[in-house]
């Protein structure tokens, strides 16, 4: 992978004078500081999503019904429907008494929620729900909330932006499959793709963290054996000594 990526950059992205296979269509580079505000805005949006779930009781409700579409949810729904049916006459009477008040308040600002992108969870999500989520629905519910908060903080601070962008796309797909996301989730995914281009290095912690991670990873034996090192391999003092001994034996 390291070899073909280097070849791709050398022959298409980094080549000068429009001499690549596609001319200069992929040669222009947008300065990363233009993406700072977009990155921070994406972080704020993910943070709002997580905090809103906390305020709406996702962490307090230990049934996991927000993410689990299994039999337990169906039973709860049946019970709730039965209770609602029994309480319908009293509710209807109360509603009739409050028509005038409701009309007066109609002009007041009220939160509007966009409909989900799909109305029902997909078959794949139902299989995942029954196979994995059913074992610990509250755990997965908490992980979604904490994941959204973590993504928000990561984008705001510009820390591990590439990893956060990948996680953002995966989480967005899962929310779509589970019928828990509106059309705006596609915006999250498209912006996350842009963030993969090194947005965290501009006014972000990745400016210091990523060079250290790259240098540390390139020194590992796994990186050298798998050829997955980034750029050129690095060697520790111990590895240098081992290489010298091997060269002497040869």
C-alpha atoms as a PDB file:
ATOM      1  CA  UNK A   1       0.000   0.000   0.000  1.00  0.00           C
ATOM      2  CA  UNK A   2       2.841   2.368   0.796  1.00  0.00           C
ATOM      3  CA  UNK A   3       4.347   1.761  -2.639  1.00  0.00           C
ATOM      4  CA  UNK A   4       1.205   2.254  -4.707  1.00  0.00           C
ATOM      5  CA  UNK A   5       0.221   5.342  -2.706  1.00  0.00           C
ATOM      6  CA  UNK A   6       3.653   6.861  -3.294  1.00  0.00           C
ATOM      7  CA  UNK A   7       3.351   6.031  -6.986  1.00  0.00           C
ATOM      8  CA  UNK A   8      -0.133   7.578  -7.147  1.00  0.00           C
ATOM      9  CA  UNK A   9       1.076  10.803  -5.544  1.00  0.00           C
ATOM     10  CA  UNK A  10       4.187  10.981  -7.701  1.00  0.00           C
ATOM     11  CA  UNK A  11       2.460  10.247 -11.016  1.00  0.00           C
ATOM     12  CA  UNK A  12      -0.865  12.077 -10.555  1.00  0.00           C
ATOM     13  CA  UNK A  13      -1.073  14.329  -7.501  1.00  0.00           C
ATOM     14  CA  UNK A  14       2.394  15.819  -7.115  1.00  0.00           C
ATOM     15  CA  UNK A  15       3.426  15.943 -10.763  1.00  0.00           C
ATOM     16  CA  UNK A  16       4.076  19.387 -12.247  1.00  0.00           C
ATOM     17  CA  UNK A  17       3.251  21.065 -15.562  1.00  0.00           C
ATOM     18  CA  UNK A  18       0.072  18.976 -16.026  1.00  0.00           C
ATOM     19  CA  UNK A  19       2.040  15.936 -17.186  1.00  0.00           C
ATOM     20  CA  UNK A  20       0.003  13.339 -15.272  1.00  0.00           C
ATOM     21  CA  UNK A  21      -2.454  10.817 -16.692  1.00  0.00           C
ATOM     22  CA  UNK A  22      -5.333  13.223 -16.041  1.00  0.00           C
ATOM     23  CA  UNK A  23      -3.493  16.450 -16.683  1.00  0.00           C
ATOM     24  CA  UNK A  24      -3.634  18.962 -13.854  1.00  0.00           C
ATOM     25  CA  UNK A  25      -7.123  18.074 -12.615  1.00  0.00           C
ATOM     26  CA  UNK A  26      -5.793  16.591  -9.357  1.00  0.00           C
ATOM     27  CA  UNK A  27      -2.673  18.702  -8.969  1.00  0.00           C
ATOM     28  CA  UNK A  28      -4.169  21.754  -7.271  1.00  0.00           C
ATOM     29  CA  UNK A  29      -3.916  21.724  -3.477  1.00  0.00           C
ATOM     30  CA  UNK A  30      -6.234  23.688  -1.225  1.00  0.00           C
ATOM     31  CA  UNK A  31      -4.397  25.161   1.810  1.00  0.00           C
ATOM     32  CA  UNK A  32      -5.511  23.345   4.935  1.00  0.00           C
ATOM     33  CA  UNK A  33      -6.236  26.547   6.850  1.00  0.00           C
ATOM     34  CA  UNK A  34      -9.292  27.072   4.626  1.00  0.00           C
ATOM     35  CA  UNK A  35     -10.754  23.921   6.187  1.00  0.00           C
ATOM     36  CA  UNK A  36     -10.310  25.004   9.808  1.00  0.00           C
ATOM     37  CA  UNK A  37     -13.734  26.603  10.224  1.00  0.00           C
ATOM     38  CA  UNK A  38     -15.437  23.743   8.386  1.00  0.00           C
ATOM     39  CA  UNK A  39     -13.668  21.223  10.619  1.00  0.00           C
ATOM     40  CA  UNK A  40     -14.684  23.074  13.767  1.00  0.00           C
ATOM     41  CA  UNK A  41     -18.254  23.433  12.528  1.00  0.00           C
ATOM     42  CA  UNK A  42     -18.425  19.685  11.943  1.00  0.00           C
ATOM     43  CA  UNK A  43     -17.112  19.182  15.464  1.00  0.00           C
ATOM     44  CA  UNK A  44     -19.756  21.481  16.919  1.00  0.00           C
ATOM     45  CA  UNK A  45     -22.500  19.622  15.050  1.00  0.00           C
ATOM     46  CA  UNK A  46     -21.342  16.223  16.325  1.00  0.00           C
ATOM     47  CA  UNK A  47     -21.037  17.653  19.835  1.00  0.00           C
ATOM     48  CA  UNK A  48     -24.583  19.016  19.642  1.00  0.00           C
ATOM     49  CA  UNK A  49     -25.830  15.596  18.497  1.00  0.00           C
ATOM     50  CA  UNK A  50     -24.202  13.886  21.461  1.00  0.00           C
ATOM     51  CA  UNK A  51     -25.303  16.441  24.033  1.00  0.00           C
ATOM     52  CA  UNK A  52     -28.882  16.421  22.705  1.00  0.00           C
ATOM     53  CA  UNK A  53     -29.004  12.639  23.116  1.00  0.00           C
ATOM     54  CA  UNK A  54     -27.752  12.995  26.677  1.00  0.00           C
ATOM     55  CA  UNK A  55     -30.395  15.611  27.460  1.00  0.00           C
ATOM     56  CA  UNK A  56     -33.106  13.429  25.913  1.00  0.00           C
ATOM     57  CA  UNK A  57     -32.245  10.539  28.227  1.00  0.00           C
ATOM     58  CA  UNK A  58     -30.084   8.188  26.187  1.00  0.00           C
ATOM     59  CA  UNK A  59     -27.728   7.643  29.126  1.00  0.00           C
ATOM     60  CA  UNK A  60     -30.505   7.379  31.705  1.00  0.00           C
ATOM     61  CA  UNK A  61     -32.633   4.883  29.756  1.00  0.00           C
ATOM     62  CA  UNK A  62     -30.926   1.526  30.365  1.00  0.00           C
ATOM     63  CA  UNK A  63     -33.315  -0.465  28.175  1.00  0.00           C
ATOM     64  CA  UNK A  64     -31.353   0.405  25.047  1.00  0.00           C
ATOM     65  CA  UNK A  65     -34.580   0.926  23.110  1.00  0.00           C
ATOM     66  CA  UNK A  66     -33.108   3.859  21.179  1.00  0.00           C
ATOM     67  CA  UNK A  67     -30.767   1.587  19.218  1.00  0.00           C
ATOM     68  CA  UNK A  68     -32.278  -1.886  19.564  1.00  0.00           C
ATOM     69  CA  UNK A  69     -35.061  -2.795  17.157  1.00  0.00           C
ATOM     70  CA  UNK A  70     -35.571  -6.299  18.495  1.00  0.00           C
ATOM     71  CA  UNK A  71     -38.298  -8.202  20.274  1.00  0.00           C
ATOM     72  CA  UNK A  72     -37.944  -6.217  23.495  1.00  0.00           C
ATOM     73  CA  UNK A  73     -38.665  -3.034  21.617  1.00  0.00           C
ATOM     74  CA  UNK A  74     -41.727  -4.592  20.008  1.00  0.00           C
ATOM     75  CA  UNK A  75     -43.061  -5.726  23.408  1.00  0.00           C
ATOM     76  CA  UNK A  76     -42.488  -2.295  24.884  1.00  0.00           C
ATOM     77  CA  UNK A  77     -44.244  -0.754  21.910  1.00  0.00           C
ATOM     78  CA  UNK A  78     -47.242  -3.083  22.307  1.00  0.00           C
ATOM     79  CA  UNK A  79     -47.517  -2.278  26.008  1.00  0.00           C
ATOM     80  CA  UNK A  80     -47.260   1.431  25.336  1.00  0.00           C
ATOM     81  CA  UNK A  81     -49.906   1.187  22.613  1.00  0.00           C
ATOM     82  CA  UNK A  82     -52.274  -0.658  24.966  1.00  0.00           C
ATOM     83  CA  UNK A  83     -51.810   1.925  27.670  1.00  0.00           C
ATOM     84  CA  UNK A  84     -52.348   4.722  25.173  1.00  0.00           C
ATOM     85  CA  UNK A  85     -55.569   3.073  23.943  1.00  0.00           C
ATOM     86  CA  UNK A  86     -56.943   2.845  27.480  1.00  0.00           C
ATOM     87  CA  UNK A  87     -56.058   6.455  28.184  1.00  0.00           C
ATOM     88  CA  UNK A  88     -57.462   7.724  24.879  1.00  0.00           C
ATOM     89  CA  UNK A  89     -60.910   8.898  26.204  1.00  0.00           C
ATOM     90  CA  UNK A  90     -59.359  10.971  28.977  1.00  0.00           C
ATOM     91  CA  UNK A  91     -56.746  12.382  26.596  1.00  0.00           C
ATOM     92  CA  UNK A  92     -59.402  13.314  24.073  1.00  0.00           C
ATOM     93  CA  UNK A  93     -61.400  15.152  26.714  1.00  0.00           C
ATOM     94  CA  UNK A  94     -58.339  17.040  27.909  1.00  0.00           C
ATOM     95  CA  UNK A  95     -57.406  17.896  24.336  1.00  0.00           C
ATOM     96  CA  UNK A  96     -60.849  19.342  23.677  1.00  0.00           C
ATOM     97  CA  UNK A  97     -60.599  21.536  26.764  1.00  0.00           C
ATOM     98  CA  UNK A  98     -57.237  22.885  25.676  1.00  0.00           C
ATOM     99  CA  UNK A  99     -57.965  23.625  21.997  1.00  0.00           C
ATOM    100  CA  UNK A 100     -58.140  27.343  22.618  1.00  0.00           C
ATOM    101  CA  UNK A 101     -54.845  27.354  24.490  1.00  0.00           C
ATOM    102  CA  UNK A 102     -53.147  25.304  21.795  1.00  0.00           C
ATOM    103  CA  UNK A 103     -54.381  27.682  19.123  1.00  0.00           C
ATOM    104  CA  UNK A 104     -52.978  30.645  21.021  1.00  0.00           C
ATOM    105  CA  UNK A 105     -49.590  28.967  21.363  1.00  0.00           C
ATOM    106  CA  UNK A 106     -49.438  27.829  17.740  1.00  0.00           C
ATOM    107  CA  UNK A 107     -47.475  30.875  16.715  1.00  0.00           C
ATOM    108  CA  UNK A 108     -44.803  30.257  19.337  1.00  0.00           C
ATOM    109  CA  UNK A 109     -41.483  28.806  18.247  1.00  0.00           C
ATOM    110  CA  UNK A 110     -41.388  25.016  18.466  1.00  0.00           C
ATOM    111  CA  UNK A 111     -38.581  22.590  17.620  1.00  0.00           C
ATOM    112  CA  UNK A 112     -38.915  20.996  14.205  1.00  0.00           C
ATOM    113  CA  UNK A 113     -37.293  17.641  13.513  1.00  0.00           C
ATOM    114  CA  UNK A 114     -36.550  16.433  10.009  1.00  0.00           C
ATOM    115  CA  UNK A 115     -37.961  13.008   9.112  1.00  0.00           C
ATOM    116  CA  UNK A 116     -35.462  10.132   9.019  1.00  0.00           C
ATOM    117  CA  UNK A 117     -33.735   9.382   5.740  1.00  0.00           C
ATOM    118  CA  UNK A 118     -35.358   5.941   5.745  1.00  0.00           C
ATOM    119  CA  UNK A 119     -38.497   5.043   7.673  1.00  0.00           C
ATOM    120  CA  UNK A 120     -37.504   1.552   8.808  1.00  0.00           C
ATOM    121  CA  UNK A 121     -34.131   0.007   9.687  1.00  0.00           C
ATOM    122  CA  UNK A 122     -32.504  -2.054   6.974  1.00  0.00           C
ATOM    123  CA  UNK A 123     -32.290  -5.838   7.071  1.00  0.00           C
ATOM    124  CA  UNK A 124     -28.537  -5.631   7.704  1.00  0.00           C
ATOM    125  CA  UNK A 125     -29.049  -3.342  10.689  1.00  0.00           C
ATOM    126  CA  UNK A 126     -31.734  -5.673  12.077  1.00  0.00           C
ATOM    127  CA  UNK A 127     -29.312  -8.584  11.769  1.00  0.00           C
ATOM    128  CA  UNK A 128     -26.594  -6.600  13.560  1.00  0.00           C
ATOM    129  CA  UNK A 129     -29.145  -5.597  16.187  1.00  0.00           C
ATOM    130  CA  UNK A 130     -30.239  -9.160  16.844  1.00  0.00           C
ATOM    131  CA  UNK A 131     -26.717 -10.621  16.659  1.00  0.00           C
ATOM    132  CA  UNK A 132     -24.678  -8.078  18.593  1.00  0.00           C
ATOM    133  CA  UNK A 133     -26.743  -5.218  20.018  1.00  0.00           C
ATOM    134  CA  UNK A 134     -29.273  -7.542  21.676  1.00  0.00           C
ATOM    135  CA  UNK A 135     -26.548  -8.817  24.019  1.00  0.00           C
ATOM    136  CA  UNK A 136     -25.966  -5.350  25.514  1.00  0.00           C
ATOM    137  CA  UNK A 137     -28.273  -2.705  23.995  1.00  0.00           C
ATOM    138  CA  UNK A 138     -27.556  -0.095  26.667  1.00  0.00           C
ATOM    139  CA  UNK A 139     -23.812  -0.452  26.075  1.00  0.00           C
ATOM    140  CA  UNK A 140     -24.209   0.271  22.351  1.00  0.00           C
ATOM    141  CA  UNK A 141     -26.568   3.136  23.135  1.00  0.00           C
ATOM    142  CA  UNK A 142     -23.975   4.702  25.433  1.00  0.00           C
ATOM    143  CA  UNK A 143     -21.201   4.096  22.898  1.00  0.00           C
ATOM    144  CA  UNK A 144     -23.123   6.009  20.218  1.00  0.00           C
ATOM    145  CA  UNK A 145     -23.559   8.983  22.547  1.00  0.00           C
ATOM    146  CA  UNK A 146     -19.945   8.973  23.712  1.00  0.00           C
ATOM    147  CA  UNK A 147     -18.777   8.413  20.143  1.00  0.00           C
ATOM    148  CA  UNK A 148     -20.598  11.508  18.927  1.00  0.00           C
ATOM    149  CA  UNK A 149     -19.168  13.591  21.776  1.00  0.00           C
ATOM    150  CA  UNK A 150     -15.671  12.218  21.111  1.00  0.00           C
ATOM    151  CA  UNK A 151     -15.956  13.007  17.395  1.00  0.00           C
ATOM    152  CA  UNK A 152     -17.028  16.537  18.208  1.00  0.00           C
ATOM    153  CA  UNK A 153     -14.065  17.097  20.507  1.00  0.00           C
ATOM    154  CA  UNK A 154     -11.639  15.472  18.044  1.00  0.00           C
ATOM    155  CA  UNK A 155     -12.721  17.730  15.170  1.00  0.00           C
ATOM    156  CA  UNK A 156     -12.710  20.813  17.370  1.00  0.00           C
ATOM    157  CA  UNK A 157      -9.189  20.107  18.570  1.00  0.00           C
ATOM    158  CA  UNK A 158      -7.932  18.742  15.262  1.00  0.00           C
ATOM    159  CA  UNK A 159      -6.736  15.525  16.916  1.00  0.00           C
ATOM    160  CA  UNK A 160      -6.496  12.283  14.897  1.00  0.00           C
ATOM    161  CA  UNK A 161      -8.660  13.938  12.269  1.00  0.00           C
ATOM    162  CA  UNK A 162      -8.186  11.202   9.668  1.00  0.00           C
ATOM    163  CA  UNK A 163      -9.320   8.496  12.101  1.00  0.00           C
ATOM    164  CA  UNK A 164     -12.170  10.685  13.354  1.00  0.00           C
ATOM    165  CA  UNK A 165     -13.304  11.268   9.771  1.00  0.00           C
ATOM    166  CA  UNK A 166     -13.414   7.538   9.073  1.00  0.00           C
ATOM    167  CA  UNK A 167     -15.331   6.934  12.300  1.00  0.00           C
ATOM    168  CA  UNK A 168     -17.705   9.774  11.374  1.00  0.00           C
ATOM    169  CA  UNK A 169     -18.514   8.122   8.054  1.00  0.00           C
ATOM    170  CA  UNK A 170     -19.008   4.679   9.631  1.00  0.00           C
ATOM    171  CA  UNK A 171     -21.242   6.071  12.402  1.00  0.00           C
ATOM    172  CA  UNK A 172     -23.262   8.045   9.858  1.00  0.00           C
ATOM    173  CA  UNK A 173     -23.853   4.896   7.796  1.00  0.00           C
ATOM    174  CA  UNK A 174     -24.956   3.008  10.904  1.00  0.00           C
ATOM    175  CA  UNK A 175     -27.389   5.787  11.872  1.00  0.00           C
ATOM    176  CA  UNK A 176     -28.825   5.760   8.354  1.00  0.00           C
ATOM    177  CA  UNK A 177     -29.225   1.971   8.390  1.00  0.00           C
ATOM    178  CA  UNK A 178     -30.936   2.162  11.768  1.00  0.00           C
ATOM    179  CA  UNK A 179     -33.434   4.811  10.587  1.00  0.00           C
ATOM    180  CA  UNK A 180     -32.040   7.226  13.181  1.00  0.00           C
ATOM    181  CA  UNK A 181     -30.732   9.984  10.916  1.00  0.00           C
ATOM    182  CA  UNK A 182     -32.265  12.608   8.657  1.00  0.00           C
ATOM    183  CA  UNK A 183     -30.939  13.750   5.284  1.00  0.00           C
ATOM    184  CA  UNK A 184     -28.453  16.107   6.920  1.00  0.00           C
ATOM    185  CA  UNK A 185     -26.339  13.076   7.876  1.00  0.00           C
ATOM    186  CA  UNK A 186     -25.136  12.955   4.268  1.00  0.00           C
ATOM    187  CA  UNK A 187     -23.588  16.372   4.859  1.00  0.00           C
ATOM    188  CA  UNK A 188     -21.643  14.916   7.800  1.00  0.00           C
ATOM    189  CA  UNK A 189     -20.261  12.198   5.528  1.00  0.00           C
ATOM    190  CA  UNK A 190     -19.237  14.510   2.698  1.00  0.00           C
ATOM    191  CA  UNK A 191     -17.465  16.929   5.036  1.00  0.00           C
ATOM    192  CA  UNK A 192     -15.696  14.014   6.751  1.00  0.00           C
ATOM    193  CA  UNK A 193     -14.240  13.015   3.370  1.00  0.00           C
ATOM    194  CA  UNK A 194     -12.788  16.511   2.994  1.00  0.00           C
ATOM    195  CA  UNK A 195     -11.360  16.366   6.518  1.00  0.00           C
ATOM    196  CA  UNK A 196      -9.276  13.312   5.558  1.00  0.00           C
ATOM    197  CA  UNK A 197      -6.991  15.604   3.559  1.00  0.00           C
ATOM    198  CA  UNK A 198      -5.001  16.700   6.621  1.00  0.00           C
ATOM    199  CA  UNK A 199      -7.416  19.279   8.032  1.00  0.00           C
ATOM    200  CA  UNK A 200      -6.198  18.644  11.570  1.00  0.00           C
ATOM    201  CA  UNK A 201      -2.687  19.922  10.832  1.00  0.00           C
ATOM    202  CA  UNK A 202      -3.912  23.497  10.416  1.00  0.00           C
ATOM    203  CA  UNK A 203      -4.461  25.079  13.852  1.00  0.00           C
ATOM    204  CA  UNK A 204      -4.975  21.607  15.297  1.00  0.00           C
ATOM    205  CA  UNK A 205      -3.201  19.113  17.521  1.00  0.00           C
ATOM    206  CA  UNK A 206      -2.356  16.920  14.537  1.00  0.00           C
ATOM    207  CA  UNK A 207       0.369  19.434  13.682  1.00  0.00           C
ATOM    208  CA  UNK A 208       2.406  18.014  16.589  1.00  0.00           C
ATOM    209  CA  UNK A 209       0.832  14.610  17.136  1.00  0.00           C
ATOM    210  CA  UNK A 210       0.900  13.129  13.621  1.00  0.00           C
ATOM    211  CA  UNK A 211       4.665  13.592  12.980  1.00  0.00           C
ATOM    212  CA  UNK A 212       5.345  11.875  16.317  1.00  0.00           C
ATOM    213  CA  UNK A 213       2.929   9.037  15.483  1.00  0.00           C
ATOM    214  CA  UNK A 214       4.489   8.650  12.032  1.00  0.00           C
ATOM    215  CA  UNK A 215       8.019   8.534  13.410  1.00  0.00           C
ATOM    216  CA  UNK A 216       7.073   6.119  16.199  1.00  0.00           C
ATOM    217  CA  UNK A 217       5.122   3.795  13.888  1.00  0.00           C
ATOM    218  CA  UNK A 218       7.872   3.687  11.268  1.00  0.00           C
ATOM    219  CA  UNK A 219      10.268   2.357  13.924  1.00  0.00           C
ATOM    220  CA  UNK A 220       8.119  -0.659  14.767  1.00  0.00           C
ATOM    221  CA  UNK A 221       8.960  -4.113  13.463  1.00  0.00           C
ATOM    222  CA  UNK A 222       5.384  -4.590  12.273  1.00  0.00           C
ATOM    223  CA  UNK A 223       5.598  -1.536  10.017  1.00  0.00           C
ATOM    224  CA  UNK A 224       8.814  -2.806   8.432  1.00  0.00           C
ATOM    225  CA  UNK A 225       7.611  -6.361   7.948  1.00  0.00           C
ATOM    226  CA  UNK A 226       4.279  -5.282   6.467  1.00  0.00           C
ATOM    227  CA  UNK A 227       5.763  -2.360   4.489  1.00  0.00           C
ATOM    228  CA  UNK A 228       2.994  -0.176   5.881  1.00  0.00           C
ATOM    229  CA  UNK A 229       5.361   2.492   7.123  1.00  0.00           C
ATOM    230  CA  UNK A 230       4.576   6.082   6.192  1.00  0.00           C
ATOM    231  CA  UNK A 231       7.296   7.624   4.068  1.00  0.00           C
ATOM    232  CA  UNK A 232      10.706   6.164   4.927  1.00  0.00           C
ATOM    233  CA  UNK A 233      11.272   3.583   7.686  1.00  0.00           C
ATOM    234  CA  UNK A 234      12.854   4.729  10.926  1.00  0.00           C
ATOM    235  CA  UNK A 235      15.270   2.738  13.079  1.00  0.00           C
ATOM    236  CA  UNK A 236      15.932   2.805  16.810  1.00  0.00           C
ATOM    237  CA  UNK A 237      19.459   2.516  18.223  1.00  0.00           C
ATOM    238  CA  UNK A 238      18.821  -1.138  19.011  1.00  0.00           C
ATOM    239  CA  UNK A 239      17.618  -1.784  15.464  1.00  0.00           C
ATOM    240  CA  UNK A 240      20.689  -0.014  14.045  1.00  0.00           C
ATOM    241  CA  UNK A 241      22.956  -2.258  16.075  1.00  0.00           C
ATOM    242  CA  UNK A 242      21.066  -5.353  14.910  1.00  0.00           C
ATOM    243  CA  UNK A 243      21.412  -4.244  11.268  1.00  0.00           C
ATOM    244  CA  UNK A 244      25.162  -3.708  11.683  1.00  0.00           C
ATOM    245  CA  UNK A 245      25.577  -7.184  13.166  1.00  0.00           C
ATOM    246  CA  UNK A 246      23.634  -8.746  10.298  1.00  0.00           C
ATOM    247  CA  UNK A 247      25.746  -6.872   7.739  1.00  0.00           C
ATOM    248  CA  UNK A 248      28.973  -8.049   9.393  1.00  0.00           C
ATOM    249  CA  UNK A 249      27.810 -11.659   9.317  1.00  0.00           C
ATOM    250  CA  UNK A 250      27.095 -11.372   5.622  1.00  0.00           C
END
